PDB file of N, CA and C in Angstrom:
ATOM      1  N   MET A   1      61.949 102.304  60.631  1.00  0.00           N
ATOM      2  CA  MET A   1      62.793 101.843  60.354  1.00  0.00           C
ATOM      3  C   MET A   1      63.720 100.567  60.226  1.00  0.00           C
ATOM      4  N   THR A   2      64.514 100.394  58.831  1.00  0.00           N
ATOM      5  CA  THR A   2      64.872  98.402  58.763  1.00  0.00           C
ATOM      6  C   THR A   2      65.708  98.681  59.176  1.00  0.00           C
ATOM      7  N   THR A   3      66.134  97.462  59.781  1.00  0.00           N
ATOM      8  CA  THR A   3      67.270  96.911  60.114  1.00  0.00           C
ATOM      9  C   THR A   3      68.191  95.650  59.476  1.00  0.00           C
ATOM     10  N   GLU A   4      68.885  96.187  58.628  1.00  0.00           N
ATOM     11  CA  GLU A   4      69.603  94.876  58.015  1.00  0.00           C
ATOM     12  C   GLU A   4      71.214  94.321  58.231  1.00  0.00           C
ATOM     13  N   LYS A   5      70.970  93.328  58.533  1.00  0.00           N
ATOM     14  CA  LYS A   5      72.309  92.653  59.027  1.00  0.00           C
ATOM     15  C   LYS A   5      73.394  92.608  57.647  1.00  0.00           C
ATOM     16  N   ALA A   6      74.578  92.720  57.688  1.00  0.00           N
ATOM     17  CA  ALA A   6      75.225  92.784  56.686  1.00  0.00           C
ATOM     18  C   ALA A   6      76.717  92.044  57.130  1.00  0.00           C
ATOM     19  N   THR A   7      76.973  91.101  55.973  1.00  0.00           N
ATOM     20  CA  THR A   7      77.909  90.218  56.031  1.00  0.00           C
ATOM     21  C   THR A   7      78.511  90.503  54.754  1.00  0.00           C
ATOM     22  N   LEU A   8      80.243  91.169  55.097  1.00  0.00           N
ATOM     23  CA  LEU A   8      80.965  91.724  53.631  1.00  0.00           C
ATOM     24  C   LEU A   8      81.506  90.376  53.457  1.00  0.00           C
ATOM     25  N   PHE A   9      81.795  89.982  52.107  1.00  0.00           N
ATOM     26  CA  PHE A   9      82.899  88.857  51.715  1.00  0.00           C
ATOM     27  C   PHE A   9      84.123  89.875  50.890  1.00  0.00           C
ATOM     28  N   ILE A  10      85.080  89.727  50.796  1.00  0.00           N
ATOM     29  CA  ILE A  10      86.154  90.448  50.637  1.00  0.00           C
ATOM     30  C   ILE A  10      87.099  89.217  49.760  1.00  0.00           C
ATOM     31  N   ASP A  11      87.510  88.923  48.348  1.00  0.00           N
ATOM     32  CA  ASP A  11      88.031  88.570  47.569  1.00  0.00           C
ATOM     33  C   ASP A  11      89.516  89.555  47.795  1.00  0.00           C
ATOM     34  N   ALA A  12      90.463  89.496  48.808  1.00  0.00           N
ATOM     35  CA  ALA A  12      91.404  90.304  48.720  1.00  0.00           C
ATOM     36  C   ALA A  12      92.240  90.457  47.937  1.00  0.00           C
ATOM     37  N   GLN A  13      93.025  89.805  46.913  1.00  0.00           N
ATOM     38  CA  GLN A  13      93.730  90.001  45.683  1.00  0.00           C
ATOM     39  C   GLN A  13      92.676  90.923  44.827  1.00  0.00           C
ATOM     40  N   SER A  14      91.745  90.440  44.088  1.00  0.00           N
ATOM     41  CA  SER A  14      91.395  90.780  43.480  1.00  0.00           C
ATOM     42  C   SER A  14      90.721  92.566  43.839  1.00  0.00           C
ATOM     43  N   LEU A  15      89.922  92.931  45.459  1.00  0.00           N
ATOM     44  CA  LEU A  15      90.292  93.859  45.966  1.00  0.00           C
ATOM     45  C   LEU A  15      91.686  94.923  45.667  1.00  0.00           C
ATOM     46  N   TYR A  16      93.094  94.156  46.046  1.00  0.00           N
ATOM     47  CA  TYR A  16      93.880  95.290  46.012  1.00  0.00           C
ATOM     48  C   TYR A  16      94.133  95.824  44.818  1.00  0.00           C
ATOM     49  N   ASN A  17      93.991  94.833  43.700  1.00  0.00           N
ATOM     50  CA  ASN A  17      94.409  94.957  41.972  1.00  0.00           C
ATOM     51  C   ASN A  17      93.345  96.034  41.506  1.00  0.00           C
ATOM     52  N   ALA A  18      92.099  95.703  42.252  1.00  0.00           N
ATOM     53  CA  ALA A  18      91.330  96.833  41.554  1.00  0.00           C
ATOM     54  C   ALA A  18      91.269  98.447  42.177  1.00  0.00           C
ATOM     55  N   ILE A  19      92.109  98.751  43.158  1.00  0.00           N
ATOM     56  CA  ILE A  19      92.766  99.630  43.964  1.00  0.00           C
ATOM     57  C   ILE A  19      93.527  99.951  43.024  1.00  0.00           C
ATOM     58  N   ARG A  20      94.749  99.095  43.111  1.00  0.00           N
ATOM     59  CA  ARG A  20      96.092  99.472  42.633  1.00  0.00           C
ATOM     60  C   ARG A  20      95.745 100.094  41.040  1.00  0.00           C
ATOM     61  N   ASP A  21      94.831  99.098  40.225  1.00  0.00           N
ATOM     62  CA  ASP A  21      94.660  99.945  39.222  1.00  0.00           C
ATOM     63  C   ASP A  21      94.005 101.269  39.366  1.00  0.00           C
ATOM     64  N   ALA A  22      92.970 101.548  39.942  1.00  0.00           N
ATOM     65  CA  ALA A  22      92.115 102.511  39.663  1.00  0.00           C
ATOM     66  C   ALA A  22      92.748 103.902  40.095  1.00  0.00           C
ATOM     67  N   PHE A  23      93.941 103.721  41.114  1.00  0.00           N
ATOM     68  CA  PHE A  23      94.362 105.007  41.681  1.00  0.00           C
ATOM     69  C   PHE A  23      95.837 105.348  42.155  1.00  0.00           C
ATOM     70  N   PHE A  24      96.548 104.293  41.511  1.00  0.00           N
ATOM     71  CA  PHE A  24      98.179 103.694  41.908  1.00  0.00           C
ATOM     72  C   PHE A  24      98.859 103.530  40.502  1.00  0.00           C
ATOM     73  N   SER A  25     100.036 104.326  40.923  1.00  0.00           N
ATOM     74  CA  SER A  25     100.871 103.607  39.555  1.00  0.00           C
ATOM     75  C   SER A  25     101.717 102.083  39.467  1.00  0.00           C
ATOM     76  N   ASP A  26     102.241 101.818  38.798  1.00  0.00           N
ATOM     77  CA  ASP A  26     103.138 100.497  38.991  1.00  0.00           C
ATOM     78  C   ASP A  26     104.036 100.497  39.669  1.00  0.00           C
ATOM     79  N   THR A  27     104.708 102.094  40.039  1.00  0.00           N
ATOM     80  CA  THR A  27     105.572 102.230  40.599  1.00  0.00           C
ATOM     81  C   THR A  27     105.510 102.749  41.846  1.00  0.00           C
ATOM     82  N   ASP A  28     104.379 102.615  42.509  1.00  0.00           N
ATOM     83  CA  ASP A  28     103.850 103.303  43.919  1.00  0.00           C
ATOM     84  C   ASP A  28     104.599 101.999  44.461  1.00  0.00           C
ATOM     85  N   ASN A  29     104.732 102.414  45.798  1.00  0.00           N
ATOM     86  CA  ASN A  29     104.781 100.996  46.541  1.00  0.00           C
ATOM     87  C   ASN A  29     103.755 100.161  47.090  1.00  0.00           C
ATOM     88  N   HIS A  30     104.515  98.658  47.295  1.00  0.00           N
ATOM     89  CA  HIS A  30     103.421  97.933  47.153  1.00  0.00           C
ATOM     90  C   HIS A  30     102.431  98.262  48.499  1.00  0.00           C
ATOM     91  N   VAL A  31     102.568  99.154  49.351  1.00  0.00           N
ATOM     92  CA  VAL A  31     101.352  99.077  50.235  1.00  0.00           C
ATOM     93  C   VAL A  31     100.094  99.730  50.009  1.00  0.00           C
ATOM     94  N   CYS A  32     100.911 100.743  48.952  1.00  0.00           N
ATOM     95  CA  CYS A  32      99.262 101.711  48.252  1.00  0.00           C
ATOM     96  C   CYS A  32      98.277 100.645  47.516  1.00  0.00           C
ATOM     97  N   GLY A  33      96.959 100.740  48.155  1.00  0.00           N
ATOM     98  CA  GLY A  33      96.265  99.818  47.844  1.00  0.00           C
ATOM     99  C   GLY A  33      95.860  98.637  49.040  1.00  0.00           C
ATOM    100  N   GLN A  34      96.597  98.320  50.104  1.00  0.00           N
ATOM    101  CA  GLN A  34      95.981  97.635  50.697  1.00  0.00           C
ATOM    102  C   GLN A  34      94.826  98.548  52.087  1.00  0.00           C
ATOM    103  N   VAL A  35      93.685  97.351  51.670  1.00  0.00           N
ATOM    104  CA  VAL A  35      92.679  97.712  52.745  1.00  0.00           C
ATOM    105  C   VAL A  35      92.570  97.238  54.039  1.00  0.00           C
ATOM    106  N   ASP A  36      92.285  97.827  55.003  1.00  0.00           N
ATOM    107  CA  ASP A  36      91.510  97.051  56.360  1.00  0.00           C
ATOM    108  C   ASP A  36      90.537  97.230  55.856  1.00  0.00           C
ATOM    109  N   PRO A  37      89.869  95.193  55.909  1.00  0.00           N
ATOM    110  CA  PRO A  37      88.744  94.722  55.999  1.00  0.00           C
ATOM    111  C   PRO A  37      87.522  95.394  57.048  1.00  0.00           C
ATOM    112  N   MET A  38      88.035  95.736  58.468  1.00  0.00           N
ATOM    113  CA  MET A  38      86.872  95.979  58.950  1.00  0.00           C
ATOM    114  C   MET A  38      86.511  97.797  59.027  1.00  0.00           C
ATOM    115  N   LYS A  39      87.230  97.990  58.616  1.00  0.00           N
ATOM    116  CA  LYS A  39      86.984  99.551  58.311  1.00  0.00           C
ATOM    117  C   LYS A  39      86.284  99.442  57.334  1.00  0.00           C
ATOM    118  N   LEU A  40      86.731  99.263  56.133  1.00  0.00           N
ATOM    119  CA  LEU A  40      85.775  99.105  54.849  1.00  0.00           C
ATOM    120  C   LEU A  40      84.192  98.669  55.207  1.00  0.00           C
ATOM    121  N   ALA A  41      84.463  97.426  56.060  1.00  0.00           N
ATOM    122  CA  ALA A  41      83.112  97.290  56.432  1.00  0.00           C
ATOM    123  C   ALA A  41      82.391  97.973  57.444  1.00  0.00           C
ATOM    124  N   ASN A  42      82.947  98.650  57.928  1.00  0.00           N
ATOM    125  CA  ASN A  42      82.360  99.723  58.972  1.00  0.00           C
ATOM    126  C   ASN A  42      81.393 100.953  58.074  1.00  0.00           C
ATOM    127  N   PHE A  43      82.969 101.240  57.046  1.00  0.00           N
ATOM    128  CA  PHE A  43      82.468 102.446  56.178  1.00  0.00           C
ATOM    129  C   PHE A  43      81.084 102.153  55.430  1.00  0.00           C
ATOM    130  N   ILE A  44      80.916 100.920  55.072  1.00  0.00           N
ATOM    131  CA  ILE A  44      79.839 100.630  54.039  1.00  0.00           C
ATOM    132  C   ILE A  44      78.636 100.172  54.563  1.00  0.00           C
ATOM    133  N   CYS A  45      78.805  99.882  55.914  1.00  0.00           N
ATOM    134  CA  CYS A  45      77.812  99.624  57.336  1.00  0.00           C
ATOM    135  C   CYS A  45      76.992 101.401  57.598  1.00  0.00           C
ATOM    136  N   SER A  46      77.710 102.196  57.598  1.00  0.00           N
ATOM    137  CA  SER A  46      77.497 103.370  58.053  1.00  0.00           C
ATOM    138  C   SER A  46      77.067 104.522  56.901  1.00  0.00           C
ATOM    139  N   GLN A  47      76.429 103.842  55.758  1.00  0.00           N
ATOM    140  CA  GLN A  47      76.432 104.419  54.572  1.00  0.00           C
ATOM    141  C   GLN A  47      74.681 104.071  54.178  1.00  0.00           C
ATOM    142  N   PRO A  48      73.804 103.423  54.973  1.00  0.00           N
ATOM    143  CA  PRO A  48      72.831 102.713  54.435  1.00  0.00           C
ATOM    144  C   PRO A  48      71.800 103.553  53.936  1.00  0.00           C
ATOM    145  N   PRO A  49      70.977 103.462  52.926  1.00  0.00           N
ATOM    146  CA  PRO A  49      70.115 104.050  52.222  1.00  0.00           C
ATOM    147  C   PRO A  49      69.322 104.569  53.214  1.00  0.00           C
ATOM    148  N   PRO A  50      68.323 105.594  52.692  1.00  0.00           N
ATOM    149  CA  PRO A  50      67.559 106.392  54.091  1.00  0.00           C
ATOM    150  C   PRO A  50      66.530 105.572  54.558  1.00  0.00           C
ATOM    151  N   GLY A  51      66.464 105.346  55.721  1.00  0.00           N
ATOM    152  CA  GLY A  51      65.183 104.723  56.539  1.00  0.00           C
ATOM    153  C   GLY A  51      65.950 103.391  56.601  1.00  0.00           C
ATOM    154  N   VAL A  52      67.092 103.113  56.799  1.00  0.00           N
ATOM    155  CA  VAL A  52      67.570 101.611  56.798  1.00  0.00           C
ATOM    156  C   VAL A  52      68.778 101.926  57.727  1.00  0.00           C
ATOM    157  N   THR A  53      69.236 100.755  58.542  1.00  0.00           N
ATOM    158  CA  THR A  53      70.302 100.973  59.504  1.00  0.00           C
ATOM    159  C   THR A  53      70.818  99.170  59.524  1.00  0.00           C
ATOM    160  N   ARG A  54      71.939  99.605  58.964  1.00  0.00           N
ATOM    161  CA  ARG A  54      72.949  98.684  58.483  1.00  0.00           C
ATOM    162  C   ARG A  54      73.663  97.939  60.095  1.00  0.00           C
ATOM    163  N   VAL A  55      74.061  96.912  60.421  1.00  0.00           N
ATOM    164  CA  VAL A  55      74.166  96.291  61.411  1.00  0.00           C
ATOM    165  C   VAL A  55      75.430  94.984  60.865  1.00  0.00           C
ATOM    166  N   LEU A  56      76.915  95.156  61.130  1.00  0.00           N
ATOM    167  CA  LEU A  56      77.666  94.453  60.572  1.00  0.00           C
ATOM    168  C   LEU A  56      77.690  93.028  61.554  1.00  0.00           C
ATOM    169  N   ASN A  57      77.415  91.757  60.773  1.00  0.00           N
ATOM    170  CA  ASN A  57      77.223  90.623  61.518  1.00  0.00           C
ATOM    171  C   ASN A  57      78.947  89.863  61.069  1.00  0.00           C
ATOM    172  N   GLU A  58      79.253  90.320  59.620  1.00  0.00           N
ATOM    173  CA  GLU A  58      80.785  89.333  59.679  1.00  0.00           C
ATOM    174  C   GLU A  58      81.384  90.187  58.342  1.00  0.00           C
ATOM    175  N   VAL A  59      82.630  89.627  58.522  1.00  0.00           N
ATOM    176  CA  VAL A  59      83.430  90.007  57.565  1.00  0.00           C
ATOM    177  C   VAL A  59      84.460  88.947  57.269  1.00  0.00           C
ATOM    178  N   ARG A  60      84.695  88.552  56.158  1.00  0.00           N
ATOM    179  CA  ARG A  60      84.807  87.204  55.770  1.00  0.00           C
ATOM    180  C   ARG A  60      86.084  88.135  54.445  1.00  0.00           C
ATOM    181  N   VAL A  61      87.262  87.155  54.746  1.00  0.00           N
ATOM    182  CA  VAL A  61      88.106  88.037  53.789  1.00  0.00           C
ATOM    183  C   VAL A  61      89.096  86.185  52.971  1.00  0.00           C
ATOM    184  N   TYR A  62      88.604  86.322  51.388  1.00  0.00           N
ATOM    185  CA  TYR A  62      89.254  85.109  50.892  1.00  0.00           C
ATOM    186  C   TYR A  62      90.380  85.688  50.610  1.00  0.00           C
ATOM    187  N   SER A  63      91.511  85.111  50.559  1.00  0.00           N
ATOM    188  CA  SER A  63      92.999  85.008  49.922  1.00  0.00           C
ATOM    189  C   SER A  63      93.837  83.794  49.808  1.00  0.00           C
ATOM    190  N   GLY A  64      94.172  83.863  48.790  1.00  0.00           N
ATOM    191  CA  GLY A  64      95.662  82.800  48.760  1.00  0.00           C
ATOM    192  C   GLY A  64      96.993  82.789  49.525  1.00  0.00           C
ATOM    193  N   ARG A  65      97.236  81.785  49.182  1.00  0.00           N
ATOM    194  CA  ARG A  65      98.720  81.657  50.882  1.00  0.00           C
ATOM    195  C   ARG A  65      99.376  81.319  50.062  1.00  0.00           C
ATOM    196  N   PRO A  66     100.336  81.919  49.975  1.00  0.00           N
ATOM    197  CA  PRO A  66     102.017  81.995  49.067  1.00  0.00           C
ATOM    198  C   PRO A  66     102.873  80.615  49.468  1.00  0.00           C
ATOM    199  N   ASP A  67     102.912  79.409  48.854  1.00  0.00           N
ATOM    200  CA  ASP A  67     103.813  78.858  49.331  1.00  0.00           C
ATOM    201  C   ASP A  67     105.303  78.801  50.182  1.00  0.00           C
ATOM    202  N   PRO A  68     105.421  78.787  51.430  1.00  0.00           N
ATOM    203  CA  PRO A  68     106.410  78.674  52.222  1.00  0.00           C
ATOM    204  C   PRO A  68     107.926  78.611  51.674  1.00  0.00           C
ATOM    205  N   THR A  69     107.815  77.508  50.668  1.00  0.00           N
ATOM    206  CA  THR A  69     108.801  76.907  50.651  1.00  0.00           C
ATOM    207  C   THR A  69     109.650  77.520  49.203  1.00  0.00           C
ATOM    208  N   LYS A  70     108.229  77.984  48.095  1.00  0.00           N
ATOM    209  CA  LYS A  70     108.737  78.221  47.095  1.00  0.00           C
ATOM    210  C   LYS A  70     108.918  80.233  47.424  1.00  0.00           C
ATOM    211  N   ASP A  71     108.290  80.799  48.479  1.00  0.00           N
ATOM    212  CA  ASP A  71     108.420  82.575  48.536  1.00  0.00           C
ATOM    213  C   ASP A  71     108.150  82.444  49.779  1.00  0.00           C
ATOM    214  N   PRO A  72     109.058  82.452  51.110  1.00  0.00           N
ATOM    215  CA  PRO A  72     109.181  82.843  52.362  1.00  0.00           C
ATOM    216  C   PRO A  72     108.643  83.922  52.808  1.00  0.00           C
ATOM    217  N   ARG A  73     109.244  84.899  52.088  1.00  0.00           N
ATOM    218  CA  ARG A  73     109.192  85.958  52.172  1.00  0.00           C
ATOM    219  C   ARG A  73     107.519  86.595  52.101  1.00  0.00           C
ATOM    220  N   THR A  74     107.250  86.324  50.902  1.00  0.00           N
ATOM    221  CA  THR A  74     106.023  86.887  50.921  1.00  0.00           C
ATOM    222  C   THR A  74     104.833  86.108  51.597  1.00  0.00           C
ATOM    223  N   HIS A  75     105.244  84.646  51.757  1.00  0.00           N
ATOM    224  CA  HIS A  75     104.398  83.874  53.116  1.00  0.00           C
ATOM    225  C   HIS A  75     104.589  84.253  53.874  1.00  0.00           C
ATOM    226  N   ALA A  76     105.437  84.936  54.521  1.00  0.00           N
ATOM    227  CA  ALA A  76     105.250  85.461  55.822  1.00  0.00           C
ATOM    228  C   ALA A  76     104.657  87.422  56.063  1.00  0.00           C
ATOM    229  N   ALA A  77     105.080  87.604  55.174  1.00  0.00           N
ATOM    230  CA  ALA A  77     104.256  89.087  54.745  1.00  0.00           C
ATOM    231  C   ALA A  77     102.842  88.675  54.807  1.00  0.00           C
ATOM    232  N   HIS A  78     102.471  87.696  54.446  1.00  0.00           N
ATOM    233  CA  HIS A  78     100.917  87.379  54.326  1.00  0.00           C
ATOM    234  C   HIS A  78     100.100  86.383  55.776  1.00  0.00           C
ATOM    235  N   MET A  79     101.211  85.848  56.539  1.00  0.00           N
ATOM    236  CA  MET A  79     100.751  85.541  57.493  1.00  0.00           C
ATOM    237  C   MET A  79     100.766  86.881  58.359  1.00  0.00           C
ATOM    238  N   LYS A  80     101.507  87.408  58.111  1.00  0.00           N
ATOM    239  CA  LYS A  80     101.468  88.762  59.392  1.00  0.00           C
ATOM    240  C   LYS A  80     100.247  89.578  58.469  1.00  0.00           C
ATOM    241  N   GLN A  81     100.117  89.622  57.785  1.00  0.00           N
ATOM    242  CA  GLN A  81      98.712  90.227  57.457  1.00  0.00           C
ATOM    243  C   GLN A  81      97.358  89.781  57.654  1.00  0.00           C
ATOM    244  N   CYS A  82      97.567  88.636  57.142  1.00  0.00           N
ATOM    245  CA  CYS A  82      96.103  87.568  57.777  1.00  0.00           C
ATOM    246  C   CYS A  82      96.289  87.987  59.471  1.00  0.00           C
ATOM    247  N   ALA A  83      96.801  88.312  59.774  1.00  0.00           N
ATOM    248  CA  ALA A  83      96.938  87.631  61.517  1.00  0.00           C
ATOM    249  C   ALA A  83      96.562  89.230  62.105  1.00  0.00           C
ATOM    250  N   GLU A  84      97.101  90.413  61.541  1.00  0.00           N
ATOM    251  CA  GLU A  84      96.478  91.352  61.730  1.00  0.00           C
ATOM    252  C   GLU A  84      94.801  91.821  61.243  1.00  0.00           C
ATOM    253  N   TRP A  85      94.923  91.251  60.488  1.00  0.00           N
ATOM    254  CA  TRP A  85      93.052  91.231  60.124  1.00  0.00           C
ATOM    255  C   TRP A  85      92.229  90.640  60.848  1.00  0.00           C
ATOM    256  N   SER A  86      92.744  89.309  61.220  1.00  0.00           N
ATOM    257  CA  SER A  86      91.872  88.280  62.404  1.00  0.00           C
ATOM    258  C   SER A  86      91.608  89.020  63.584  1.00  0.00           C
ATOM    259  N   ARG A  87      92.790  89.623  63.790  1.00  0.00           N
ATOM    260  CA  ARG A  87      92.410  90.043  65.170  1.00  0.00           C
ATOM    261  C   ARG A  87      91.746  91.495  65.317  1.00  0.00           C
ATOM    262  N   GLY A  88      91.677  92.325  64.210  1.00  0.00           N
ATOM    263  CA  GLY A  88      90.340  92.864  64.039  1.00  0.00           C
ATOM    264  C   GLY A  88      89.417  92.757  63.911  1.00  0.00           C
ATOM    265  N   GLY A  89      89.316  91.431  63.320  1.00  0.00           N
ATOM    266  CA  GLY A  89      87.378  90.779  63.530  1.00  0.00           C
ATOM    267  C   GLY A  89      87.252  90.547  62.528  1.00  0.00           C
ATOM    268  N   ALA A  90      88.179  90.120  61.468  1.00  0.00           N
ATOM    269  CA  ALA A  90      87.904  89.531  60.078  1.00  0.00           C
ATOM    270  C   ALA A  90      87.993  87.851  60.452  1.00  0.00           C
ATOM    271  N   ASN A  91      86.923  87.698  59.564  1.00  0.00           N
ATOM    272  CA  ASN A  91      87.344  85.426  59.278  1.00  0.00           C
ATOM    273  C   ASN A  91      87.882  85.647  58.229  1.00  0.00           C
ATOM    274  N   ILE A  92      89.032  85.060  57.981  1.00  0.00           N
ATOM    275  CA  ILE A  92      89.920  84.755  57.371  1.00  0.00           C
ATOM    276  C   ILE A  92      89.994  83.126  56.654  1.00  0.00           C
ATOM    277  N   ILE A  93      89.352  83.627  55.249  1.00  0.00           N
ATOM    278  CA  ILE A  93      89.440  82.242  54.703  1.00  0.00           C
ATOM    279  C   ILE A  93      90.771  81.967  53.403  1.00  0.00           C
ATOM    280  N   THR A  94      91.109  80.958  53.584  1.00  0.00           N
ATOM    281  CA  THR A  94      92.962  80.895  52.608  1.00  0.00           C
ATOM    282  C   THR A  94      92.627  79.705  52.186  1.00  0.00           C
ATOM    283  N   ARG A  95      93.518  79.471  50.997  1.00  0.00           N
ATOM    284  CA  ARG A  95      93.899  78.383  50.075  1.00  0.00           C
ATOM    285  C   ARG A  95      95.024  78.618  49.506  1.00  0.00           C
ATOM    286  N   ASN A  96      95.541  77.266  49.064  1.00  0.00           N
ATOM    287  CA  ASN A  96      97.281  77.867  49.066  1.00  0.00           C
ATOM    288  C   ASN A  96      97.155  78.173  47.143  1.00  0.00           C
ATOM    289  N   SER A  97      98.143  79.234  47.339  1.00  0.00           N
ATOM    290  CA  SER A  97      97.962  80.096  45.737  1.00  0.00           C
ATOM    291  C   SER A  97      98.191  79.058  44.629  1.00  0.00           C
ATOM    292  N   ASP A  98      98.719  78.108  44.105  1.00  0.00           N
ATOM    293  CA  ASP A  98      98.914  77.119  43.695  1.00  0.00           C
ATOM    294  C   ASP A  98      98.127  76.168  43.765  1.00  0.00           C
ATOM    295  N   THR A  99      97.107  75.979  44.242  1.00  0.00           N
ATOM    296  CA  THR A  99      96.037  74.959  44.444  1.00  0.00           C
ATOM    297  C   THR A  99      95.001  75.363  43.446  1.00  0.00           C
ATOM    298  N   PRO A 100      94.897  74.500  42.026  1.00  0.00           N
ATOM    299  CA  PRO A 100      93.737  74.592  41.385  1.00  0.00           C
ATOM    300  C   PRO A 100      92.582  74.461  41.680  1.00  0.00           C
ATOM    301  N   ARG A 101      92.017  75.535  40.902  1.00  0.00           N
ATOM    302  CA  ARG A 101      90.391  75.766  41.296  1.00  0.00           C
ATOM    303  C   ARG A 101      89.648  74.292  40.859  1.00  0.00           C
ATOM    304  N   SER A 102      88.536  74.083  41.221  1.00  0.00           N
ATOM    305  CA  SER A 102      87.555  73.433  40.923  1.00  0.00           C
ATOM    306  C   SER A 102      86.175  73.702  40.157  1.00  0.00           C
ATOM    307  N   GLY A 103      85.841  73.807  38.949  1.00  0.00           N
ATOM    308  CA  GLY A 103      85.020  74.248  38.623  1.00  0.00           C
ATOM    309  C   GLY A 103      85.582  74.883  37.779  1.00  0.00           C
ATOM    310  N   PRO A 104      84.556  75.669  36.998  1.00  0.00           N
ATOM    311  CA  PRO A 104      84.878  76.570  35.511  1.00  0.00           C
ATOM    312  C   PRO A 104      85.552  77.506  36.159  1.00  0.00           C
ATOM    313  N   THR A 105      86.726  78.083  35.190  1.00  0.00           N
ATOM    314  CA  THR A 105      87.684  79.404  35.624  1.00  0.00           C
ATOM    315  C   THR A 105      86.999  80.566  34.660  1.00  0.00           C
TER     316      THR A 105
END
């Protein structure tokens, strides 16, 4: 039996949008499509190919952080969500949502 260490990298907004597009309509509550990153990682690790054991090494969640001066309500919700993910064991990596990316887009 082979043991693999698994690290899950999540682009939070892309994952949320993909779930919304695949399973929900625009009129569904905004909560529909939210994912617990640790539950997702544990599920992925529980589904290895035959003969393989996966051990969760780390979960990294990448997320844009809304500007608190432009959108305080969304910023507060984002901070609450990040704190919850962090308490669950995920490593949260953020950047300001209005910060231009470097490199090609």
